[in-house]
Amino acid sequence: MTASNRYDVPRMKILCESMCEPPLIELSNPKYCLNMLVDLKKNNCVNLFETCIGIVSSHVHRVIDTPTFVLLSKTRPDIIEDI
């Protein structure tokens, strides 16, 4: 998805998002999703970002004490507000 933004290939981003979303939902791993949020926001991957926010929100009790969550709280409060 980074490459699609860098080289301005929007169809690549759409394809990547459509291929990534079903396995992401099936895995429903909040720690993995938490790690992806910054890149998804930076690359404007709205659908995957919302999917990850939903998964993290549903399992916030599992990630709230992780180093990633603490770091996001300090460096990206805008993302934490979405959760």
C-alpha atoms as a PDB file:
ATOM      1  CA  MET A   1       0.000   0.000   0.000  1.00  0.00           C
ATOM      2  CA  THR A   2       2.942   2.277   0.586  1.00  0.00           C
ATOM      3  CA  ALA A   3       4.071   1.618  -2.983  1.00  0.00           C
ATOM      4  CA  SER A   4       0.623   2.450  -4.330  1.00  0.00           C
ATOM      5  CA  ASN A   5       0.800   5.865  -2.669  1.00  0.00           C
ATOM      6  CA  ARG A   6       4.427   6.481  -3.577  1.00  0.00           C
ATOM      7  CA  TYR A   7       3.894   5.657  -7.254  1.00  0.00           C
ATOM      8  CA  ASP A   8       0.329   6.975  -7.430  1.00  0.00           C
ATOM      9  CA  VAL A   9      -1.314   3.685  -8.395  1.00  0.00           C
ATOM     10  CA  PRO A  10      -4.730   3.849  -6.708  1.00  0.00           C
ATOM     11  CA  ARG A  11      -5.969   0.594  -8.231  1.00  0.00           C
ATOM     12  CA  MET A  12      -3.116  -1.242  -6.487  1.00  0.00           C
ATOM     13  CA  LYS A  13      -4.274   0.137  -3.141  1.00  0.00           C
ATOM     14  CA  ILE A  14      -7.861  -0.948  -3.785  1.00  0.00           C
ATOM     15  CA  LEU A  15      -6.672  -4.423  -4.733  1.00  0.00           C
ATOM     16  CA  CYS A  16      -4.430  -4.703  -1.661  1.00  0.00           C
ATOM     17  CA  GLU A  17      -7.195  -3.572   0.668  1.00  0.00           C
ATOM     18  CA  SER A  18      -9.719  -5.975  -0.820  1.00  0.00           C
ATOM     19  CA  MET A  19      -7.288  -8.887  -0.501  1.00  0.00           C
ATOM     20  CA  CYS A  20      -6.172  -8.037   3.041  1.00  0.00           C
ATOM     21  CA  GLU A  21      -9.496  -7.357   4.711  1.00  0.00           C
ATOM     22  CA  PRO A  22     -11.032 -10.890   4.767  1.00  0.00           C
ATOM     23  CA  PRO A  23      -7.987 -12.600   6.363  1.00  0.00           C
ATOM     24  CA  LEU A  24      -7.660  -9.714   8.803  1.00  0.00           C
ATOM     25  CA  ILE A  25     -11.249 -10.186   9.940  1.00  0.00           C
ATOM     26  CA  GLU A  26     -10.814 -13.955  10.125  1.00  0.00           C
ATOM     27  CA  LEU A  27      -7.668 -13.719  12.259  1.00  0.00           C
ATOM     28  CA  SER A  28      -9.150 -10.994  14.452  1.00  0.00           C
ATOM     29  CA  ASN A  29      -5.776 -10.414  16.127  1.00  0.00           C
ATOM     30  CA  PRO A  30      -5.937  -7.104  18.016  1.00  0.00           C
ATOM     31  CA  LYS A  31      -2.174  -6.897  18.622  1.00  0.00           C
ATOM     32  CA  TYR A  32      -1.449  -7.300  14.922  1.00  0.00           C
ATOM     33  CA  CYS A  33      -4.090  -4.701  14.062  1.00  0.00           C
ATOM     34  CA  LEU A  34      -2.712  -2.283  16.626  1.00  0.00           C
ATOM     35  CA  ASN A  35       0.697  -2.494  14.965  1.00  0.00           C
ATOM     36  CA  MET A  36      -0.822  -1.746  11.556  1.00  0.00           C
ATOM     37  CA  LEU A  37      -2.858   1.335  12.487  1.00  0.00           C
ATOM     38  CA  VAL A  38      -0.148   3.973  11.970  1.00  0.00           C
ATOM     39  CA  ASP A  39       0.775   2.715   8.500  1.00  0.00           C
ATOM     40  CA  LEU A  40      -2.844   2.379   7.474  1.00  0.00           C
ATOM     41  CA  LYS A  41      -3.613   5.934   8.582  1.00  0.00           C
ATOM     42  CA  LYS A  42      -0.467   7.276   6.900  1.00  0.00           C
ATOM     43  CA  ASN A  43      -1.365   5.545   3.628  1.00  0.00           C
ATOM     44  CA  ASN A  44      -5.025   6.573   3.831  1.00  0.00           C
ATOM     45  CA  CYS A  45      -6.318   2.982   3.808  1.00  0.00           C
ATOM     46  CA  VAL A  46      -9.690   3.880   5.240  1.00  0.00           C
ATOM     47  CA  ASN A  47     -11.395   0.484   4.975  1.00  0.00           C
ATOM     48  CA  LEU A  48      -8.571  -1.496   6.561  1.00  0.00           C
ATOM     49  CA  PHE A  49      -8.044   1.203   9.184  1.00  0.00           C
ATOM     50  CA  GLU A  50     -11.703   1.000  10.200  1.00  0.00           C
ATOM     51  CA  THR A  51     -11.540  -2.799  10.255  1.00  0.00           C
ATOM     52  CA  CYS A  52      -8.489  -2.719  12.524  1.00  0.00           C
ATOM     53  CA  ILE A  53     -10.062  -0.079  14.773  1.00  0.00           C
ATOM     54  CA  GLY A  54     -13.102  -2.321  15.166  1.00  0.00           C
ATOM     55  CA  ILE A  55     -10.997  -5.349  16.072  1.00  0.00           C
ATOM     56  CA  VAL A  56      -8.828  -3.424  18.533  1.00  0.00           C
ATOM     57  CA  SER A  57     -11.879  -1.757  20.093  1.00  0.00           C
ATOM     58  CA  SER A  58     -13.536  -5.122  20.624  1.00  0.00           C
ATOM     59  CA  HIS A  59     -10.433  -6.458  22.387  1.00  0.00           C
ATOM     60  CA  VAL A  60      -9.003  -3.319  23.973  1.00  0.00           C
ATOM     61  CA  HIS A  61      -8.596  -5.145  27.295  1.00  0.00           C
ATOM     62  CA  ARG A  62      -6.016  -7.406  25.593  1.00  0.00           C
ATOM     63  CA  VAL A  63      -3.862  -4.591  24.200  1.00  0.00           C
ATOM     64  CA  ILE A  64      -4.186  -1.673  26.601  1.00  0.00           C
ATOM     65  CA  ASP A  65      -1.073  -2.662  28.563  1.00  0.00           C
ATOM     66  CA  THR A  66       1.105  -3.487  25.552  1.00  0.00           C
ATOM     67  CA  PRO A  67       4.121  -1.317  24.688  1.00  0.00           C
ATOM     68  CA  THR A  68       2.572  -0.542  21.301  1.00  0.00           C
ATOM     69  CA  PHE A  69      -0.607   0.837  22.870  1.00  0.00           C
ATOM     70  CA  VAL A  70       1.378   2.925  25.352  1.00  0.00           C
ATOM     71  CA  LEU A  71       3.560   4.294  22.549  1.00  0.00           C
ATOM     72  CA  LEU A  72       0.534   5.119  20.395  1.00  0.00           C
ATOM     73  CA  SER A  73      -1.059   6.883  23.351  1.00  0.00           C
ATOM     74  CA  LYS A  74       1.944   9.192  23.541  1.00  0.00           C
ATOM     75  CA  THR A  75       2.784   9.648  19.878  1.00  0.00           C
ATOM     76  CA  ARG A  76      -0.528   9.230  18.046  1.00  0.00           C
ATOM     77  CA  PRO A  77      -3.392  10.260  20.322  1.00  0.00           C
ATOM     78  CA  ASP A  78      -5.504  10.811  17.199  1.00  0.00           C
ATOM     79  CA  ILE A  79      -5.460   7.068  16.558  1.00  0.00           C
ATOM     80  CA  ILE A  80      -6.194   6.232  20.197  1.00  0.00           C
ATOM     81  CA  GLU A  81      -9.244   8.525  20.030  1.00  0.00           C
ATOM     82  CA  ASP A  82     -10.564   6.405  17.155  1.00  0.00           C
ATOM     83  CA  ILE A  83     -10.363   3.303  19.362  1.00  0.00           C
END
